Amino acid sequence: MSLNGDDDEKKFRKKIRKPSFKYARQFSDTLIGAHMGKADVILNKPIIVGASVLGLSKLHMYRFWYDYVKDKY
């Protein structure tokens, strides 16, 4: 989280419109600080692993349903 201090109202209004804005804090009559969150998303996990795990879990559930549950009822 970063803190940006601005004394210009136009710059401050521009910052609070961003989705990374968390909250504001007034330090003096002319200085307001804007607490900002992270702006970048880091994708450091391979997405293909999640897709393959989802596919295997679907296969497991389908086999259980059609091979075991449907035979019983």
C-alpha atoms as a PDB file:
ATOM      1  CA  MET A   1       0.000   0.000   0.000  1.00  0.00           C
ATOM      2  CA  SER A   2       1.368   3.391  -0.878  1.00  0.00           C
ATOM      3  CA  LEU A   3       0.573   6.830   0.445  1.00  0.00           C
ATOM      4  CA  ASN A   4       0.307   9.731  -1.966  1.00  0.00           C
ATOM      5  CA  GLY A   5       0.042  13.255  -0.616  1.00  0.00           C
ATOM      6  CA  ASP A   6      -1.616  15.891  -2.776  1.00  0.00           C
ATOM      7  CA  ASP A   7      -2.442  19.501  -2.198  1.00  0.00           C
ATOM      8  CA  ASP A   8      -4.215  19.886  -5.555  1.00  0.00           C
ATOM      9  CA  GLU A   9      -7.917  19.004  -5.472  1.00  0.00           C
ATOM     10  CA  LYS A  10      -8.018  17.995  -9.134  1.00  0.00           C
ATOM     11  CA  LYS A  11      -5.195  15.454  -8.720  1.00  0.00           C
ATOM     12  CA  PHE A  12      -6.776  14.074  -5.567  1.00  0.00           C
ATOM     13  CA  ARG A  13     -10.180  13.578  -7.223  1.00  0.00           C
ATOM     14  CA  LYS A  14      -8.445  11.768 -10.069  1.00  0.00           C
ATOM     15  CA  LYS A  15      -6.739   9.394  -7.620  1.00  0.00           C
ATOM     16  CA  ILE A  16      -9.862   8.526  -5.662  1.00  0.00           C
ATOM     17  CA  ARG A  17     -11.596   7.411  -8.876  1.00  0.00           C
ATOM     18  CA  LYS A  18      -9.071   4.602  -9.364  1.00  0.00           C
ATOM     19  CA  PRO A  19     -10.053   1.094  -8.243  1.00  0.00           C
ATOM     20  CA  SER A  20      -6.844   0.769  -6.220  1.00  0.00           C
ATOM     21  CA  PHE A  21      -7.933   3.594  -3.858  1.00  0.00           C
ATOM     22  CA  LYS A  22      -8.421   2.359  -0.270  1.00  0.00           C
ATOM     23  CA  TYR A  23      -9.060   5.394   1.939  1.00  0.00           C
ATOM     24  CA  ALA A  24      -8.005   9.004   2.489  1.00  0.00           C
ATOM     25  CA  ARG A  25      -6.504  10.766   5.479  1.00  0.00           C
ATOM     26  CA  GLN A  26      -6.283  14.491   6.090  1.00  0.00           C
ATOM     27  CA  PHE A  27      -2.957  15.691   7.493  1.00  0.00           C
ATOM     28  CA  SER A  28      -3.586  19.415   7.425  1.00  0.00           C
ATOM     29  CA  ASP A  29      -6.028  21.896   5.923  1.00  0.00           C
ATOM     30  CA  THR A  30      -4.256  21.754   2.574  1.00  0.00           C
ATOM     31  CA  LEU A  31      -2.745  18.233   2.531  1.00  0.00           C
ATOM     32  CA  ILE A  32      -4.722  15.011   2.103  1.00  0.00           C
ATOM     33  CA  GLY A  33      -3.107  11.602   1.766  1.00  0.00           C
ATOM     34  CA  ALA A  34      -4.612   8.867  -0.388  1.00  0.00           C
ATOM     35  CA  HIS A  35      -3.837   5.267   0.541  1.00  0.00           C
ATOM     36  CA  MET A  36      -3.590   3.192  -2.621  1.00  0.00           C
ATOM     37  CA  GLY A  37      -3.498  -0.590  -2.992  1.00  0.00           C
ATOM     38  CA  LYS A  38      -1.556  -2.610  -5.529  1.00  0.00           C
ATOM     39  CA  ALA A  39      -2.335  -1.701  -9.104  1.00  0.00           C
ATOM     40  CA  ASP A  40      -0.767  -4.736 -10.801  1.00  0.00           C
ATOM     41  CA  VAL A  41      -1.934  -8.326 -10.685  1.00  0.00           C
ATOM     42  CA  ILE A  42       0.852 -10.885 -10.678  1.00  0.00           C
ATOM     43  CA  LEU A  43      -0.051 -14.199 -12.275  1.00  0.00           C
ATOM     44  CA  ASN A  44       2.733 -16.438 -11.020  1.00  0.00           C
ATOM     45  CA  LYS A  45       0.769 -19.704 -10.983  1.00  0.00           C
ATOM     46  CA  PRO A  46       0.229 -21.615 -14.212  1.00  0.00           C
ATOM     47  CA  ILE A  47      -3.408 -21.442 -15.262  1.00  0.00           C
ATOM     48  CA  ILE A  48      -3.198 -24.681 -17.252  1.00  0.00           C
ATOM     49  CA  VAL A  49      -2.657 -26.636 -14.025  1.00  0.00           C
ATOM     50  CA  GLY A  50      -5.938 -25.339 -12.615  1.00  0.00           C
ATOM     51  CA  ALA A  51      -7.765 -26.171 -15.835  1.00  0.00           C
ATOM     52  CA  SER A  52      -6.409 -29.721 -15.901  1.00  0.00           C
ATOM     53  CA  VAL A  53      -7.300 -30.298 -12.230  1.00  0.00           C
ATOM     54  CA  LEU A  54     -10.829 -29.097 -12.935  1.00  0.00           C
ATOM     55  CA  GLY A  55     -11.096 -31.415 -15.937  1.00  0.00           C
ATOM     56  CA  LEU A  56      -9.882 -34.421 -13.943  1.00  0.00           C
ATOM     57  CA  SER A  57     -12.267 -33.705 -11.082  1.00  0.00           C
ATOM     58  CA  LYS A  58     -15.184 -33.488 -13.528  1.00  0.00           C
ATOM     59  CA  LEU A  59     -14.166 -36.818 -15.037  1.00  0.00           C
ATOM     60  CA  HIS A  60     -14.013 -38.394 -11.587  1.00  0.00           C
ATOM     61  CA  MET A  61     -17.479 -37.106 -10.666  1.00  0.00           C
ATOM     62  CA  TYR A  62     -19.019 -38.208 -13.975  1.00  0.00           C
ATOM     63  CA  ARG A  63     -17.588 -41.708 -13.599  1.00  0.00           C
ATOM     64  CA  PHE A  64     -18.885 -41.951 -10.045  1.00  0.00           C
ATOM     65  CA  TRP A  65     -22.347 -40.773 -11.107  1.00  0.00           C
ATOM     66  CA  TYR A  66     -22.798 -42.976 -14.170  1.00  0.00           C
ATOM     67  CA  ASP A  67     -20.893 -46.089 -13.000  1.00  0.00           C
ATOM     68  CA  TYR A  68     -22.035 -46.249  -9.383  1.00  0.00           C
ATOM     69  CA  VAL A  69     -25.033 -44.056  -8.549  1.00  0.00           C
ATOM     70  CA  LYS A  70     -27.070 -44.669 -11.734  1.00  0.00           C
ATOM     71  CA  ASP A  71     -26.619 -48.447 -11.363  1.00  0.00           C
ATOM     72  CA  LYS A  72     -28.005 -48.390  -7.820  1.00  0.00           C
ATOM     73  CA  TYR A  73     -31.159 -46.438  -8.665  1.00  0.00           C
END
